[in-house]
Amino acid sequence: MGDFQVIAKEFVKFYYETFDGNRAALSNLYRDHSMLTFETDSFLGTAGILEKLTNLPFQQIQHRTDTVDPQPGSEDGTSIVVLVTGALMVEGSDRPMSFTQTFQLKKDATNWYVFNDIFRIVYPAA
């Protein structure tokens, strides 16, 4: 499992490039038992997750990743937990929004996929 850092960084790069360029292609990264929690709403399964991601109120977006912190998620090497911090620029906005996103990646017979995905916008303290 020594490659978990490389796998996590490659995954994060691919995920945000795909999200920013072609959200529909993210369907390959989820399974029917995957879950997305986006702010306070949860979505189960590839169809529900893809519907949420493609119907977000902002269409043009650019992610900037500041940190990618991976760690093994299981002893047998079939799971990786990745915490990402960064900012996103939404078209028409002059200020980036800070975010955190946590992925639990699992490996099926041949591919890594997102089992759990938790996304939060980080609002400044009052």
Protein backbone atom coordinates (compact mmCIF):
# COMPACT_ATOMS: atom_id res chain seq x y z
CA MET A 1 0.00 0.00 0.00
CA GLY A 2 3.04 2.26 -0.23
CA ASP A 3 1.60 3.69 -3.43
CA PHE A 4 -1.44 5.13 -1.66
CA GLN A 5 -0.01 8.67 -1.81
CA VAL A 6 0.64 8.44 -5.56
CA ILE A 7 -2.80 6.92 -6.20
CA ALA A 8 -4.51 9.62 -4.10
CA LYS A 9 -2.72 12.51 -5.82
CA GLU A 10 -3.40 11.12 -9.29
CA PHE A 11 -7.05 10.56 -8.36
CA VAL A 12 -7.48 14.11 -7.02
CA LYS A 13 -5.89 15.64 -10.13
CA PHE A 14 -8.12 13.56 -12.42
CA TYR A 15 -11.27 14.21 -10.34
CA TYR A 16 -11.01 18.01 -10.38
CA GLU A 17 -9.93 18.20 -14.02
CA THR A 18 -12.94 16.06 -14.91
CA PHE A 19 -15.29 18.00 -12.64
CA ASP A 20 -14.16 21.31 -14.13
CA GLY A 21 -14.28 20.05 -17.72
CA ASN A 22 -16.91 17.30 -18.07
CA ARG A 23 -18.90 16.43 -14.95
CA ALA A 24 -20.83 13.67 -16.71
CA ALA A 25 -17.58 11.69 -16.99
CA LEU A 26 -17.45 11.47 -13.17
CA SER A 27 -20.00 8.64 -13.36
CA ASN A 28 -17.12 6.19 -13.90
CA LEU A 29 -15.75 7.09 -10.46
CA TYR A 30 -18.87 6.16 -8.47
CA ARG A 31 -20.85 2.95 -7.91
CA ASP A 32 -24.50 2.28 -7.01
CA HIS A 33 -23.51 1.93 -3.33
CA SER A 34 -21.43 5.15 -3.31
CA MET A 35 -22.58 8.15 -1.26
CA LEU A 36 -22.04 11.88 -1.72
CA THR A 37 -22.72 14.34 1.09
CA PHE A 38 -22.73 17.82 -0.42
CA GLU A 39 -23.03 20.39 2.34
CA THR A 40 -26.01 18.96 4.26
CA ASP A 41 -27.68 16.81 1.59
CA SER A 42 -26.77 13.18 0.92
CA PHE A 43 -27.11 11.33 -2.37
CA LEU A 44 -26.80 7.58 -2.86
CA GLY A 45 -25.76 5.83 -6.05
CA THR A 46 -24.18 6.88 -9.30
CA ALA A 47 -27.36 8.32 -10.84
CA GLY A 48 -28.24 10.48 -7.82
CA ILE A 49 -24.68 11.71 -7.38
CA LEU A 50 -24.27 12.54 -11.06
CA GLU A 51 -27.61 14.35 -11.11
CA LYS A 52 -26.53 16.50 -8.15
CA LEU A 53 -23.10 17.30 -9.62
CA THR A 54 -24.38 18.13 -13.11
CA ASN A 55 -27.26 20.27 -11.81
CA LEU A 56 -25.27 22.49 -9.45
CA PRO A 57 -26.23 26.16 -9.83
CA PHE A 58 -22.74 27.01 -11.09
CA GLN A 59 -21.60 25.53 -14.38
CA GLN A 60 -18.21 27.16 -14.93
CA ILE A 61 -15.85 26.45 -12.08
CA GLN A 62 -12.14 26.03 -11.47
CA HIS A 63 -10.74 24.08 -8.52
CA ARG A 64 -7.46 24.92 -6.86
CA THR A 65 -6.11 22.26 -4.53
CA ASP A 66 -3.94 23.48 -1.68
CA THR A 67 -3.38 20.24 0.24
CA VAL A 68 -3.95 16.56 -0.51
CA ASP A 69 -3.60 14.44 2.63
CA PRO A 70 -4.03 10.69 2.00
CA GLN A 71 -3.77 7.77 4.37
CA PRO A 72 -4.52 4.07 4.11
CA GLY A 73 -8.17 3.34 4.86
CA SER A 74 -7.75 -0.37 5.50
CA GLU A 75 -5.04 -2.83 6.45
CA ASP A 76 -5.49 -4.89 3.30
CA GLY A 77 -4.70 -1.99 0.93
CA THR A 78 -8.14 -1.80 -0.68
CA SER A 79 -9.13 1.60 0.74
CA ILE A 80 -7.61 5.08 0.87
CA VAL A 81 -8.95 8.13 2.72
CA VAL A 82 -8.07 11.48 1.13
CA LEU A 83 -8.66 14.93 2.65
CA VAL A 84 -8.41 17.79 0.15
CA THR A 85 -8.41 21.49 0.98
CA GLY A 86 -8.52 24.22 -1.61
CA ALA A 87 -10.53 26.94 -3.22
CA LEU A 88 -12.92 27.15 -6.11
CA MET A 89 -13.65 30.01 -8.43
CA VAL A 90 -17.18 30.25 -9.72
CA GLU A 91 -17.76 32.11 -12.97
CA GLY A 92 -19.02 35.61 -12.23
CA SER A 93 -17.54 35.72 -8.73
CA ASP A 94 -14.42 37.68 -7.87
CA ARG A 95 -13.67 35.78 -4.65
CA PRO A 96 -12.70 32.12 -4.36
CA MET A 97 -14.61 29.93 -1.91
CA SER A 98 -12.53 27.71 0.34
CA PHE A 99 -13.57 24.07 0.54
CA THR A 100 -12.72 20.74 2.09
CA GLN A 101 -13.52 17.44 0.47
CA THR A 102 -12.94 13.96 1.83
CA PHE A 103 -12.92 10.91 -0.40
CA GLN A 104 -12.89 7.31 0.70
CA LEU A 105 -11.54 5.41 -2.27
CA LYS A 106 -12.05 1.67 -2.54
CA LYS A 107 -10.63 -0.81 -4.97
CA ASP A 108 -12.81 -3.34 -6.72
CA ALA A 109 -11.29 -6.12 -8.84
CA THR A 110 -9.32 -3.69 -11.02
CA ASN A 111 -10.26 -0.05 -10.42
CA TRP A 112 -10.35 2.56 -7.68
CA TYR A 113 -13.73 4.23 -7.13
CA VAL A 114 -15.31 6.70 -4.70
CA PHE A 115 -17.17 4.92 -1.93
CA ASN A 116 -17.79 8.05 0.18
CA ASP A 117 -17.46 11.69 -0.89
CA ILE A 118 -18.00 14.53 1.61
CA PHE A 119 -17.84 18.13 0.37
CA ARG A 120 -18.07 21.32 2.44
CA ILE A 121 -17.62 24.99 1.62
CA VAL A 122 -15.56 26.54 4.44
CA TYR A 123 -17.08 29.84 5.48
CA PRO A 124 -14.94 32.37 7.38
CA ALA A 125 -15.56 32.57 11.12
CA ALA A 126 -17.93 35.36 12.13
